[in-house]
Amino acid sequence: MSGSMQRKIYYPKRVPLFKLVEKIKLWPSRGGVLHGIKTFEVRSSSYAFVTTHCNKQMVIRNSKNSHAARWLRNKWYAKTCEKCRIPQWKIEKYSVTVFKSGRFSSFMYQQSGGEDSEPAG
């Protein structure tokens, strides 16, 4: 792609947090620092283990309304982690991402590996 990202990327607004984090590979800390995700392991349906590129490890909860989910959807962050060294193209791609409400059953279908676990509607 050229120097500036013009194409908007649409994601559903209320997508489960795990699916969103697996897709964009970014995590906002409580202090507003945006980290890049190195590994993401789902431990159960409600908890996952995350390791960032700066080797911080944390257990996160799968919640659509959590602090991190809101910050990711609203694209809020104070700064990026210097140790994670998130590339500029990834920040630009994240900044043009639009989280839109509506029916995104095809997104949910693709993210679940082809099996619809939740009925659309």
PDB file of N, CA and C in Angstrom:
ATOM      1  N   MET A   1       0.826  -1.180   0.000  1.00  0.00           N
ATOM      2  CA  MET A   1       0.000   0.000   0.000  1.00  0.00           C
ATOM      3  C   MET A   1       0.866   1.238   0.000  1.00  0.00           C
ATOM      4  N   SER A   2       0.273   2.333  -0.390  1.00  0.00           N
ATOM      5  CA  SER A   2       1.007   3.590  -0.426  1.00  0.00           C
ATOM      6  C   SER A   2       1.220   4.121   0.984  1.00  0.00           C
ATOM      7  N   GLY A   3       1.797   5.299   1.081  1.00  0.00           N
ATOM      8  CA  GLY A   3       2.175   5.877   2.354  1.00  0.00           C
ATOM      9  C   GLY A   3       1.041   6.082   3.335  1.00  0.00           C
ATOM     10  N   SER A   4      -0.168   6.398   2.866  1.00  0.00           N
ATOM     11  CA  SER A   4      -1.261   6.630   3.795  1.00  0.00           C
ATOM     12  C   SER A   4      -2.367   5.609   3.582  1.00  0.00           C
ATOM     13  N   MET A   5      -2.953   5.188   4.673  1.00  0.00           N
ATOM     14  CA  MET A   5      -4.033   4.203   4.608  1.00  0.00           C
ATOM     15  C   MET A   5      -5.344   4.958   4.409  1.00  0.00           C
ATOM     16  N   GLN A   6      -6.006   4.755   3.280  1.00  0.00           N
ATOM     17  CA  GLN A   6      -7.252   5.438   2.992  1.00  0.00           C
ATOM     18  C   GLN A   6      -8.457   4.519   3.175  1.00  0.00           C
ATOM     19  N   ARG A   7      -8.280   3.230   2.998  1.00  0.00           N
ATOM     20  CA  ARG A   7      -9.378   2.289   3.053  1.00  0.00           C
ATOM     21  C   ARG A   7      -9.781   2.024   4.497  1.00  0.00           C
ATOM     22  N   LYS A   8     -11.060   2.204   4.800  1.00  0.00           N
ATOM     23  CA  LYS A   8     -11.546   1.945   6.145  1.00  0.00           C
ATOM     24  C   LYS A   8     -11.785   0.458   6.329  1.00  0.00           C
ATOM     25  N   ILE A   9     -11.551  -0.017   7.521  1.00  0.00           N
ATOM     26  CA  ILE A   9     -11.765  -1.407   7.872  1.00  0.00           C
ATOM     27  C   ILE A   9     -12.902  -1.431   8.882  1.00  0.00           C
ATOM     28  N   TYR A  10     -13.921  -2.221   8.611  1.00  0.00           N
ATOM     29  CA  TYR A  10     -15.099  -2.262   9.469  1.00  0.00           C
ATOM     30  C   TYR A  10     -15.110  -3.523  10.324  1.00  0.00           C
ATOM     31  N   TYR A  11     -15.396  -3.334  11.614  1.00  0.00           N
ATOM     32  CA  TYR A  11     -15.586  -4.440  12.544  1.00  0.00           C
ATOM     33  C   TYR A  11     -16.894  -4.195  13.274  1.00  0.00           C
ATOM     34  N   PRO A  12     -17.563  -5.247  13.709  1.00  0.00           N
ATOM     35  CA  PRO A  12     -18.774  -5.047  14.493  1.00  0.00           C
ATOM     36  C   PRO A  12     -18.446  -4.398  15.830  1.00  0.00           C
ATOM     37  N   LYS A  13     -19.353  -3.567  16.311  1.00  0.00           N
ATOM     38  CA  LYS A  13     -19.100  -2.814  17.527  1.00  0.00           C
ATOM     39  C   LYS A  13     -19.092  -3.694  18.772  1.00  0.00           C
ATOM     40  N   ARG A  14     -19.953  -4.668  18.849  1.00  0.00           N
ATOM     41  CA  ARG A  14     -20.071  -5.490  20.054  1.00  0.00           C
ATOM     42  C   ARG A  14     -19.512  -6.896  19.865  1.00  0.00           C
ATOM     43  N   VAL A  15     -18.424  -7.011  19.133  1.00  0.00           N
ATOM     44  CA  VAL A  15     -17.787  -8.316  18.942  1.00  0.00           C
ATOM     45  C   VAL A  15     -17.146  -8.740  20.271  1.00  0.00           C
ATOM     46  N   PRO A  16     -17.152 -10.032  20.586  1.00  0.00           N
ATOM     47  CA  PRO A  16     -16.486 -10.478  21.816  1.00  0.00           C
ATOM     48  C   PRO A  16     -15.009 -10.055  21.830  1.00  0.00           C
ATOM     49  N   LEU A  17     -14.530  -9.717  22.994  1.00  0.00           N
ATOM     50  CA  LEU A  17     -13.183  -9.161  23.143  1.00  0.00           C
ATOM     51  C   LEU A  17     -12.102 -10.097  22.618  1.00  0.00           C
ATOM     52  N   PHE A  18     -12.218 -11.400  22.870  1.00  0.00           N
ATOM     53  CA  PHE A  18     -11.185 -12.329  22.418  1.00  0.00           C
ATOM     54  C   PHE A  18     -11.038 -12.317  20.907  1.00  0.00           C
ATOM     55  N   LYS A  19     -12.141 -12.293  20.184  1.00  0.00           N
ATOM     56  CA  LYS A  19     -12.083 -12.287  18.721  1.00  0.00           C
ATOM     57  C   LYS A  19     -11.458 -10.994  18.212  1.00  0.00           C
ATOM     58  N   LEU A  20     -11.762  -9.890  18.873  1.00  0.00           N
ATOM     59  CA  LEU A  20     -11.205  -8.600  18.485  1.00  0.00           C
ATOM     60  C   LEU A  20      -9.697  -8.558  18.732  1.00  0.00           C
ATOM     61  N   VAL A  21      -9.265  -9.003  19.893  1.00  0.00           N
ATOM     62  CA  VAL A  21      -7.842  -8.977  20.242  1.00  0.00           C
ATOM     63  C   VAL A  21      -7.045  -9.918  19.343  1.00  0.00           C
ATOM     64  N   GLU A  22      -7.592 -11.091  19.047  1.00  0.00           N
ATOM     65  CA  GLU A  22      -6.912 -12.025  18.142  1.00  0.00           C
ATOM     66  C   GLU A  22      -6.732 -11.421  16.758  1.00  0.00           C
ATOM     67  N   LYS A  23      -7.668 -10.604  16.343  1.00  0.00           N
ATOM     68  CA  LYS A  23      -7.623 -10.016  15.005  1.00  0.00           C
ATOM     69  C   LYS A  23      -6.646  -8.841  14.925  1.00  0.00           C
ATOM     70  N   ILE A  24      -6.734  -7.893  15.875  1.00  0.00           N
ATOM     71  CA  ILE A  24      -5.918  -6.682  15.743  1.00  0.00           C
ATOM     72  C   ILE A  24      -4.569  -6.768  16.455  1.00  0.00           C
ATOM     73  N   LYS A  25      -4.401  -7.721  17.377  1.00  0.00           N
ATOM     74  CA  LYS A  25      -3.121  -7.966  18.061  1.00  0.00           C
ATOM     75  C   LYS A  25      -2.583  -6.741  18.805  1.00  0.00           C
ATOM     76  N   LEU A  26      -3.485  -5.981  19.425  1.00  0.00           N
ATOM     77  CA  LEU A  26      -3.102  -4.833  20.244  1.00  0.00           C
ATOM     78  C   LEU A  26      -3.836  -4.916  21.575  1.00  0.00           C
ATOM     79  N   TRP A  27      -3.216  -4.361  22.628  1.00  0.00           N
ATOM     80  CA  TRP A  27      -3.839  -4.367  23.946  1.00  0.00           C
ATOM     81  C   TRP A  27      -3.557  -3.051  24.660  1.00  0.00           C
ATOM     82  N   PRO A  28      -4.608  -2.328  25.107  1.00  0.00           N
ATOM     83  CA  PRO A  28      -4.402  -1.091  25.866  1.00  0.00           C
ATOM     84  C   PRO A  28      -4.276  -1.390  27.358  1.00  0.00           C
ATOM     85  N   SER A  29      -3.212  -0.924  27.971  1.00  0.00           N
ATOM     86  CA  SER A  29      -3.048  -1.135  29.411  1.00  0.00           C
ATOM     87  C   SER A  29      -3.889  -0.112  30.164  1.00  0.00           C
ATOM     88  N   ARG A  30      -3.997  -0.297  31.463  1.00  0.00           N
ATOM     89  CA  ARG A  30      -4.769   0.632  32.293  1.00  0.00           C
ATOM     90  C   ARG A  30      -4.210   2.050  32.233  1.00  0.00           C
ATOM     91  N   GLY A  31      -2.918   2.180  32.037  1.00  0.00           N
ATOM     92  CA  GLY A  31      -2.295   3.496  31.975  1.00  0.00           C
ATOM     93  C   GLY A  31      -2.398   4.164  30.616  1.00  0.00           C
ATOM     94  N   GLY A  32      -3.037   3.516  29.660  1.00  0.00           N
ATOM     95  CA  GLY A  32      -3.212   4.099  28.336  1.00  0.00           C
ATOM     96  C   GLY A  32      -2.112   3.766  27.350  1.00  0.00           C
ATOM     97  N   VAL A  33      -1.228   2.842  27.708  1.00  0.00           N
ATOM     98  CA  VAL A  33      -0.142   2.442  26.817  1.00  0.00           C
ATOM     99  C   VAL A  33      -0.639   1.310  25.923  1.00  0.00           C
ATOM    100  N   LEU A  34      -0.434   1.451  24.625  1.00  0.00           N
ATOM    101  CA  LEU A  34      -0.870   0.450  23.660  1.00  0.00           C
ATOM    102  C   LEU A  34       0.265  -0.540  23.419  1.00  0.00           C
ATOM    103  N   HIS A  35       0.001  -1.823  23.697  1.00  0.00           N
ATOM    104  CA  HIS A  35       0.999  -2.879  23.556  1.00  0.00           C
ATOM    105  C   HIS A  35       0.685  -3.755  22.354  1.00  0.00           C
ATOM    106  N   GLY A  36       1.729  -4.319  21.759  1.00  0.00           N
ATOM    107  CA  GLY A  36       1.569  -5.321  20.712  1.00  0.00           C
ATOM    108  C   GLY A  36       1.534  -6.704  21.344  1.00  0.00           C
ATOM    109  N   ILE A  37       0.682  -7.578  20.831  1.00  0.00           N
ATOM    110  CA  ILE A  37       0.522  -8.906  21.412  1.00  0.00           C
ATOM    111  C   ILE A  37       1.388  -9.916  20.676  1.00  0.00           C
ATOM    112  N   LYS A  38       2.201 -10.635  21.451  1.00  0.00           N
ATOM    113  CA  LYS A  38       3.050 -11.694  20.895  1.00  0.00           C
ATOM    114  C   LYS A  38       2.296 -13.021  20.872  1.00  0.00           C
ATOM    115  N   THR A  39       1.740 -13.419  22.012  1.00  0.00           N
ATOM    116  CA  THR A  39       0.963 -14.661  22.070  1.00  0.00           C
ATOM    117  C   THR A  39      -0.375 -14.405  22.740  1.00  0.00           C
ATOM    118  N   PHE A  40      -1.368 -15.140  22.288  1.00  0.00           N
ATOM    119  CA  PHE A  40      -2.723 -15.034  22.823  1.00  0.00           C
ATOM    120  C   PHE A  40      -3.286 -16.446  22.934  1.00  0.00           C
ATOM    121  N   GLU A  41      -3.473 -16.921  24.164  1.00  0.00           N
ATOM    122  CA  GLU A  41      -3.961 -18.281  24.395  1.00  0.00           C
ATOM    123  C   GLU A  41      -5.264 -18.232  25.180  1.00  0.00           C
ATOM    124  N   VAL A  42      -6.322 -18.760  24.591  1.00  0.00           N
ATOM    125  CA  VAL A  42      -7.604 -18.835  25.285  1.00  0.00           C
ATOM    126  C   VAL A  42      -7.544 -20.013  26.243  1.00  0.00           C
ATOM    127  N   ARG A  43      -7.743 -19.752  27.534  1.00  0.00           N
ATOM    128  CA  ARG A  43      -7.666 -20.799  28.557  1.00  0.00           C
ATOM    129  C   ARG A  43      -9.040 -21.410  28.837  1.00  0.00           C
ATOM    130  N   SER A  44     -10.077 -20.611  28.767  1.00  0.00           N
ATOM    131  CA  SER A  44     -11.450 -21.088  28.932  1.00  0.00           C
ATOM    132  C   SER A  44     -12.334 -20.153  28.122  1.00  0.00           C
ATOM    133  N   SER A  45     -13.630 -20.337  28.209  1.00  0.00           N
ATOM    134  CA  SER A  45     -14.515 -19.476  27.420  1.00  0.00           C
ATOM    135  C   SER A  45     -14.516 -18.040  27.928  1.00  0.00           C
ATOM    136  N   SER A  46     -14.055 -17.820  29.152  1.00  0.00           N
ATOM    137  CA  SER A  46     -14.101 -16.467  29.690  1.00  0.00           C
ATOM    138  C   SER A  46     -12.736 -15.866  30.047  1.00  0.00           C
ATOM    139  N   TYR A  47     -11.653 -16.636  29.943  1.00  0.00           N
ATOM    140  CA  TYR A  47     -10.333 -16.107  30.277  1.00  0.00           C
ATOM    141  C   TYR A  47      -9.301 -16.490  29.227  1.00  0.00           C
ATOM    142  N   ALA A  48      -8.328 -15.593  29.028  1.00  0.00           N
ATOM    143  CA  ALA A  48      -7.235 -15.861  28.094  1.00  0.00           C
ATOM    144  C   ALA A  48      -5.931 -15.358  28.704  1.00  0.00           C
ATOM    145  N   PHE A  49      -4.832 -15.899  28.222  1.00  0.00           N
ATOM    146  CA  PHE A  49      -3.496 -15.528  28.677  1.00  0.00           C
ATOM    147  C   PHE A  49      -2.806 -14.769  27.548  1.00  0.00           C
ATOM    148  N   VAL A  50      -2.338 -13.558  27.833  1.00  0.00           N
ATOM    149  CA  VAL A  50      -1.727 -12.691  26.827  1.00  0.00           C
ATOM    150  C   VAL A  50      -0.279 -12.417  27.201  1.00  0.00           C
ATOM    151  N   THR A  51       0.606 -12.493  26.213  1.00  0.00           N
ATOM    152  CA  THR A  51       1.994 -12.071  26.372  1.00  0.00           C
ATOM    153  C   THR A  51       2.255 -10.994  25.338  1.00  0.00           C
ATOM    154  N   THR A  52       2.758  -9.843  25.792  1.00  0.00           N
ATOM    155  CA  THR A  52       3.038  -8.741  24.880  1.00  0.00           C
ATOM    156  C   THR A  52       4.468  -8.861  24.354  1.00  0.00           C
ATOM    157  N   HIS A  53       4.820  -8.035  23.393  1.00  0.00           N
ATOM    158  CA  HIS A  53       6.173  -8.059  22.838  1.00  0.00           C
ATOM    159  C   HIS A  53       7.214  -7.560  23.839  1.00  0.00           C
ATOM    160  N   CYS A  54       6.766  -6.826  24.860  1.00  0.00           N
ATOM    161  CA  CYS A  54       7.698  -6.383  25.905  1.00  0.00           C
ATOM    162  C   CYS A  54       7.725  -7.377  27.070  1.00  0.00           C
ATOM    163  N   ASN A  55       7.194  -8.588  26.832  1.00  0.00           N
ATOM    164  CA  ASN A  55       7.194  -9.710  27.774  1.00  0.00           C
ATOM    165  C   ASN A  55       6.364  -9.490  29.032  1.00  0.00           C
ATOM    166  N   LYS A  56       5.372  -8.611  28.973  1.00  0.00           N
ATOM    167  CA  LYS A  56       4.407  -8.512  30.063  1.00  0.00           C
ATOM    168  C   LYS A  56       3.382  -9.613  29.854  1.00  0.00           C
ATOM    169  N   GLN A  57       3.020 -10.275  30.939  1.00  0.00           N
ATOM    170  CA  GLN A  57       2.045 -11.356  30.856  1.00  0.00           C
ATOM    171  C   GLN A  57       0.836 -10.991  31.695  1.00  0.00           C
ATOM    172  N   MET A  58      -0.348 -11.304  31.176  1.00  0.00           N
ATOM    173  CA  MET A  58      -1.571 -10.981  31.899  1.00  0.00           C
ATOM    174  C   MET A  58      -2.675 -11.956  31.539  1.00  0.00           C
ATOM    175  N   VAL A  59      -3.604 -12.081  32.440  1.00  0.00           N
ATOM    176  CA  VAL A  59      -4.807 -12.873  32.211  1.00  0.00           C
ATOM    177  C   VAL A  59      -5.926 -11.875  31.969  1.00  0.00           C
ATOM    178  N   ILE A  60      -6.659 -12.052  30.864  1.00  0.00           N
ATOM    179  CA  ILE A  60      -7.737 -11.118  30.547  1.00  0.00           C
ATOM    180  C   ILE A  60      -9.067 -11.857  30.528  1.00  0.00           C
ATOM    181  N   ARG A  61     -10.121 -11.099  30.771  1.00  0.00           N
ATOM    182  CA  ARG A  61     -11.468 -11.646  30.812  1.00  0.00           C
ATOM    183  C   ARG A  61     -12.205 -11.264  29.539  1.00  0.00           C
ATOM    184  N   ASN A  62     -13.007 -12.168  29.008  1.00  0.00           N
ATOM    185  CA  ASN A  62     -13.752 -11.940  27.774  1.00  0.00           C
ATOM    186  C   ASN A  62     -15.012 -11.141  28.086  1.00  0.00           C
ATOM    187  N   SER A  63     -14.962  -9.834  27.879  1.00  0.00           N
ATOM    188  CA  SER A  63     -16.093  -8.968  28.169  1.00  0.00           C
ATOM    189  C   SER A  63     -16.220  -7.922  27.075  1.00  0.00           C
ATOM    190  N   LYS A  64     -17.431  -7.743  26.576  1.00  0.00           N
ATOM    191  CA  LYS A  64     -17.668  -6.741  25.536  1.00  0.00           C
ATOM    192  C   LYS A  64     -17.667  -5.330  26.115  1.00  0.00           C
ATOM    193  N   ASN A  65     -17.931  -5.209  27.413  1.00  0.00           N
ATOM    194  CA  ASN A  65     -18.075  -3.898  28.035  1.00  0.00           C
ATOM    195  C   ASN A  65     -16.903  -3.520  28.932  1.00  0.00           C
ATOM    196  N   SER A  66     -15.823  -4.251  28.874  1.00  0.00           N
ATOM    197  CA  SER A  66     -14.688  -3.986  29.756  1.00  0.00           C
ATOM    198  C   SER A  66     -13.959  -2.703  29.352  1.00  0.00           C
ATOM    199  N   HIS A  67     -13.096  -2.265  30.250  1.00  0.00           N
ATOM    200  CA  HIS A  67     -12.259  -1.090  30.011  1.00  0.00           C
ATOM    201  C   HIS A  67     -11.466  -1.252  28.718  1.00  0.00           C
ATOM    202  N   ALA A  68     -10.823  -2.385  28.552  1.00  0.00           N
ATOM    203  CA  ALA A  68      -9.990  -2.619  27.365  1.00  0.00           C
ATOM    204  C   ALA A  68     -10.826  -2.667  26.094  1.00  0.00           C
ATOM    205  N   ALA A  69     -11.984  -3.304  26.150  1.00  0.00           N
ATOM    206  CA  ALA A  69     -12.848  -3.389  24.966  1.00  0.00           C
ATOM    207  C   ALA A  69     -13.305  -1.999  24.531  1.00  0.00           C
ATOM    208  N   ARG A  70     -13.672  -1.158  25.486  1.00  0.00           N
ATOM    209  CA  ARG A  70     -14.086   0.215  25.150  1.00  0.00           C
ATOM    210  C   ARG A  70     -12.922   0.996  24.558  1.00  0.00           C
ATOM    211  N   TRP A  71     -11.746   0.865  25.142  1.00  0.00           N
ATOM    212  CA  TRP A  71     -10.586   1.594  24.643  1.00  0.00           C
ATOM    213  C   TRP A  71     -10.210   1.127  23.245  1.00  0.00           C
ATOM    214  N   LEU A  72     -10.305  -0.170  22.972  1.00  0.00           N
ATOM    215  CA  LEU A  72     -10.002  -0.674  21.628  1.00  0.00           C
ATOM    216  C   LEU A  72     -11.020  -0.170  20.610  1.00  0.00           C
ATOM    217  N   ARG A  73     -12.306  -0.244  20.962  1.00  0.00           N
ATOM    218  CA  ARG A  73     -13.346   0.211  20.030  1.00  0.00           C
ATOM    219  C   ARG A  73     -13.262   1.706  19.754  1.00  0.00           C
ATOM    220  N   ASN A  74     -12.947   2.488  20.786  1.00  0.00           N
ATOM    221  CA  ASN A  74     -12.886   3.945  20.631  1.00  0.00           C
ATOM    222  C   ASN A  74     -11.513   4.438  20.194  1.00  0.00           C
ATOM    223  N   LYS A  75     -10.560   3.518  20.065  1.00  0.00           N
ATOM    224  CA  LYS A  75      -9.192   3.810  19.618  1.00  0.00           C
ATOM    225  C   LYS A  75      -8.501   4.822  20.526  1.00  0.00           C
ATOM    226  N   TRP A  76      -8.702   4.671  21.821  1.00  0.00           N
ATOM    227  CA  TRP A  76      -8.065   5.545  22.793  1.00  0.00           C
ATOM    228  C   TRP A  76      -6.758   4.922  23.252  1.00  0.00           C
ATOM    229  N   TYR A  77      -5.727   5.713  23.286  1.00  0.00           N
ATOM    230  CA  TYR A  77      -4.468   5.323  23.923  1.00  0.00           C
ATOM    231  C   TYR A  77      -3.637   6.579  24.099  1.00  0.00           C
ATOM    232  N   ALA A  78      -2.838   6.625  25.159  1.00  0.00           N
ATOM    233  CA  ALA A  78      -2.008   7.788  25.443  1.00  0.00           C
ATOM    234  C   ALA A  78      -0.727   7.744  24.619  1.00  0.00           C
ATOM    235  N   LYS A  79      -0.125   6.559  24.537  1.00  0.00           N
ATOM    236  CA  LYS A  79       1.106   6.383  23.768  1.00  0.00           C
ATOM    237  C   LYS A  79       1.271   4.906  23.464  1.00  0.00           C
ATOM    238  N   THR A  80       2.211   4.596  22.605  1.00  0.00           N
ATOM    239  CA  THR A  80       2.516   3.197  22.309  1.00  0.00           C
ATOM    240  C   THR A  80       3.713   2.768  23.150  1.00  0.00           C
ATOM    241  N   CYS A  81       3.780   1.497  23.444  1.00  0.00           N
ATOM    242  CA  CYS A  81       4.880   0.947  24.235  1.00  0.00           C
ATOM    243  C   CYS A  81       6.164   0.985  23.405  1.00  0.00           C
ATOM    244  N   GLU A  82       7.210   1.582  23.968  1.00  0.00           N
ATOM    245  CA  GLU A  82       8.486   1.674  23.252  1.00  0.00           C
ATOM    246  C   GLU A  82       9.150   0.307  23.113  1.00  0.00           C
ATOM    247  N   LYS A  83       8.974  -0.555  24.108  1.00  0.00           N
ATOM    248  CA  LYS A  83       9.593  -1.881  24.055  1.00  0.00           C
ATOM    249  C   LYS A  83       8.897  -2.795  23.048  1.00  0.00           C
ATOM    250  N   CYS A  84       7.591  -2.630  22.876  1.00  0.00           N
ATOM    251  CA  CYS A  84       6.845  -3.469  21.921  1.00  0.00           C
ATOM    252  C   CYS A  84       7.154  -3.090  20.474  1.00  0.00           C
ATOM    253  N   ARG A  85       7.555  -1.857  20.248  1.00  0.00           N
ATOM    254  CA  ARG A  85       7.898  -1.352  18.912  1.00  0.00           C
ATOM    255  C   ARG A  85       6.813  -1.679  17.873  1.00  0.00           C
ATOM    256  N   ILE A  86       5.612  -1.183  18.119  1.00  0.00           N
ATOM    257  CA  ILE A  86       4.503  -1.393  17.184  1.00  0.00           C
ATOM    258  C   ILE A  86       4.807  -0.602  15.921  1.00  0.00           C
ATOM    259  N   PRO A  87       4.771  -1.248  14.746  1.00  0.00           N
ATOM    260  CA  PRO A  87       5.085  -0.540  13.504  1.00  0.00           C
ATOM    261  C   PRO A  87       4.059   0.548  13.186  1.00  0.00           C
ATOM    262  N   GLN A  88       4.520   1.586  12.504  1.00  0.00           N
ATOM    263  CA  GLN A  88       3.661   2.718  12.170  1.00  0.00           C
ATOM    264  C   GLN A  88       2.485   2.294  11.296  1.00  0.00           C
ATOM    265  N   TRP A  89       2.700   1.344  10.368  1.00  0.00           N
ATOM    266  CA  TRP A  89       1.607   0.917   9.494  1.00  0.00           C
ATOM    267  C   TRP A  89       0.483   0.273  10.293  1.00  0.00           C
ATOM    268  N   LYS A  90       0.833  -0.394  11.397  1.00  0.00           N
ATOM    269  CA  LYS A  90      -0.190  -1.035  12.219  1.00  0.00           C
ATOM    270  C   LYS A  90      -1.001   0.005  12.982  1.00  0.00           C
ATOM    271  N   ILE A  91      -0.336   1.046  13.447  1.00  0.00           N
ATOM    272  CA  ILE A  91      -1.041   2.129  14.140  1.00  0.00           C
ATOM    273  C   ILE A  91      -1.964   2.858  13.164  1.00  0.00           C
ATOM    274  N   GLU A  92      -1.492   3.093  11.935  1.00  0.00           N
ATOM    275  CA  GLU A  92      -2.329   3.751  10.925  1.00  0.00           C
ATOM    276  C   GLU A  92      -3.534   2.890  10.575  1.00  0.00           C
ATOM    277  N   LYS A  93      -3.323   1.600  10.433  1.00  0.00           N
ATOM    278  CA  LYS A  93      -4.420   0.680  10.120  1.00  0.00           C
ATOM    279  C   LYS A  93      -5.440   0.669  11.261  1.00  0.00           C
ATOM    280  N   TYR A  94      -4.950   0.661  12.490  1.00  0.00           N
ATOM    281  CA  TYR A  94      -5.822   0.689  13.664  1.00  0.00           C
ATOM    282  C   TYR A  94      -6.602   2.000  13.732  1.00  0.00           C
ATOM    283  N   SER A  95      -5.967   3.108  13.358  1.00  0.00           N
ATOM    284  CA  SER A  95      -6.629   4.409  13.458  1.00  0.00           C
ATOM    285  C   SER A  95      -7.739   4.597  12.429  1.00  0.00           C
ATOM    286  N   VAL A  96      -7.684   3.893  11.292  1.00  0.00           N
ATOM    287  CA  VAL A  96      -8.758   4.026  10.295  1.00  0.00           C
ATOM    288  C   VAL A  96      -9.829   2.949  10.459  1.00  0.00           C
ATOM    289  N   THR A  97      -9.657   2.050  11.415  1.00  0.00           N
ATOM    290  CA  THR A  97     -10.646   1.005  11.660  1.00  0.00           C
ATOM    291  C   THR A  97     -11.912   1.627  12.237  1.00  0.00           C
ATOM    292  N   VAL A  98     -13.064   1.202  11.712  1.00  0.00           N
ATOM    293  CA  VAL A  98     -14.353   1.711  12.165  1.00  0.00           C
ATOM    294  C   VAL A  98     -15.112   0.572  12.827  1.00  0.00           C
ATOM    295  N   PHE A  99     -15.592   0.818  14.038  1.00  0.00           N
ATOM    296  CA  PHE A  99     -16.414  -0.163  14.738  1.00  0.00           C
ATOM    297  C   PHE A  99     -17.853   0.295  14.608  1.00  0.00           C
ATOM    298  N   LYS A 100     -18.624  -0.473  13.872  1.00  0.00           N
ATOM    299  CA  LYS A 100     -19.968  -0.056  13.497  1.00  0.00           C
ATOM    300  C   LYS A 100     -20.991  -1.048  14.033  1.00  0.00           C
ATOM    301  N   SER A 101     -22.108  -0.519  14.531  1.00  0.00           N
ATOM    302  CA  SER A 101     -23.171  -1.414  14.976  1.00  0.00           C
ATOM    303  C   SER A 101     -23.959  -1.887  13.768  1.00  0.00           C
ATOM    304  N   GLY A 102     -24.591  -3.009  13.908  1.00  0.00           N
ATOM    305  CA  GLY A 102     -25.355  -3.585  12.806  1.00  0.00           C
ATOM    306  C   GLY A 102     -25.097  -5.065  12.716  1.00  0.00           C
ATOM    307  N   ARG A 103     -25.560  -5.666  11.642  1.00  0.00           N
ATOM    308  CA  ARG A 103     -25.419  -7.114  11.472  1.00  0.00           C
ATOM    309  C   ARG A 103     -24.121  -7.437  10.760  1.00  0.00           C
ATOM    310  N   PHE A 104     -23.288  -8.174  11.427  1.00  0.00           N
ATOM    311  CA  PHE A 104     -22.020  -8.608  10.858  1.00  0.00           C
ATOM    312  C   PHE A 104     -21.910 -10.118  10.998  1.00  0.00           C
ATOM    313  N   SER A 105     -22.936 -10.818  10.596  1.00  0.00           N
ATOM    314  CA  SER A 105     -22.927 -12.264  10.789  1.00  0.00           C
ATOM    315  C   SER A 105     -21.799 -12.924  10.009  1.00  0.00           C
ATOM    316  N   SER A 106     -21.419 -12.366   8.853  1.00  0.00           N
ATOM    317  CA  SER A 106     -20.333 -12.972   8.084  1.00  0.00           C
ATOM    318  C   SER A 106     -19.010 -12.839   8.831  1.00  0.00           C
ATOM    319  N   PHE A 107     -18.790 -11.719   9.535  1.00  0.00           N
ATOM    320  CA  PHE A 107     -17.575 -11.543  10.331  1.00  0.00           C
ATOM    321  C   PHE A 107     -17.533 -12.583  11.443  1.00  0.00           C
ATOM    322  N   MET A 108     -18.645 -12.744  12.138  1.00  0.00           N
ATOM    323  CA  MET A 108     -18.701 -13.707  13.229  1.00  0.00           C
ATOM    324  C   MET A 108     -18.506 -15.121  12.695  1.00  0.00           C
ATOM    325  N   TYR A 109     -19.058 -15.406  11.522  1.00  0.00           N
ATOM    326  CA  TYR A 109     -18.929 -16.727  10.926  1.00  0.00           C
ATOM    327  C   TYR A 109     -17.470 -17.010  10.578  1.00  0.00           C
ATOM    328  N   GLN A 110     -16.787 -16.013   9.990  1.00  0.00           N
ATOM    329  CA  GLN A 110     -15.388 -16.187   9.609  1.00  0.00           C
ATOM    330  C   GLN A 110     -14.506 -16.345  10.840  1.00  0.00           C
ATOM    331  N   GLN A 111     -14.773 -15.581  11.889  1.00  0.00           N
ATOM    332  CA  GLN A 111     -13.933 -15.594  13.070  1.00  0.00           C
ATOM    333  C   GLN A 111     -14.101 -16.863  13.894  1.00  0.00           C
ATOM    334  N   SER A 112     -15.269 -17.497  13.801  1.00  0.00           N
ATOM    335  CA  SER A 112     -15.485 -18.696  14.602  1.00  0.00           C
ATOM    336  C   SER A 112     -15.026 -19.950  13.883  1.00  0.00           C
ATOM    337  N   GLY A 113     -14.419 -19.788  12.715  1.00  0.00           N
ATOM    338  CA  GLY A 113     -13.901 -20.931  11.989  1.00  0.00           C
ATOM    339  C   GLY A 113     -14.959 -21.666  11.199  1.00  0.00           C
ATOM    340  N   GLY A 114     -16.070 -20.989  10.893  1.00  0.00           N
ATOM    341  CA  GLY A 114     -17.086 -21.585  10.050  1.00  0.00           C
ATOM    342  C   GLY A 114     -18.286 -22.113  10.791  1.00  0.00           C
ATOM    343  N   GLU A 115     -18.238 -22.155  12.106  1.00  0.00           N
ATOM    344  CA  GLU A 115     -19.385 -22.674  12.835  1.00  0.00           C
ATOM    345  C   GLU A 115     -20.051 -21.539  13.581  1.00  0.00           C
ATOM    346  N   ASP A 116     -21.307 -21.324  13.361  1.00  0.00           N
ATOM    347  CA  ASP A 116     -22.041 -20.270  14.046  1.00  0.00           C
ATOM    348  C   ASP A 116     -22.428 -20.751  15.432  1.00  0.00           C
ATOM    349  N   SER A 117     -21.749 -20.247  16.448  1.00  0.00           N
ATOM    350  CA  SER A 117     -22.065 -20.654  17.805  1.00  0.00           C
ATOM    351  C   SER A 117     -23.205 -19.820  18.376  1.00  0.00           C
ATOM    352  N   GLU A 118     -23.395 -18.617  17.851  1.00  0.00           N
ATOM    353  CA  GLU A 118     -24.465 -17.751  18.299  1.00  0.00           C
ATOM    354  C   GLU A 118     -25.400 -17.499  17.135  1.00  0.00           C
ATOM    355  N   PRO A 119     -26.707 -17.525  17.359  1.00  0.00           N
ATOM    356  CA  PRO A 119     -27.624 -17.229  16.263  1.00  0.00           C
ATOM    357  C   PRO A 119     -27.533 -15.767  15.882  1.00  0.00           C
ATOM    358  N   ALA A 120     -27.550 -15.488  14.589  1.00  0.00           N
ATOM    359  CA  ALA A 120     -27.484 -14.113  14.103  1.00  0.00           C
ATOM    360  C   ALA A 120     -28.838 -13.465  14.289  1.00  0.00           C
ATOM    361  N   GLY A 121     -28.825 -12.247  14.793  1.00  0.00           N
ATOM    362  CA  GLY A 121     -30.093 -11.553  14.876  1.00  0.00           C
ATOM    363  C   GLY A 121     -30.261 -10.912  16.164  1.00  0.00           C
TER     364      GLY A 121
END
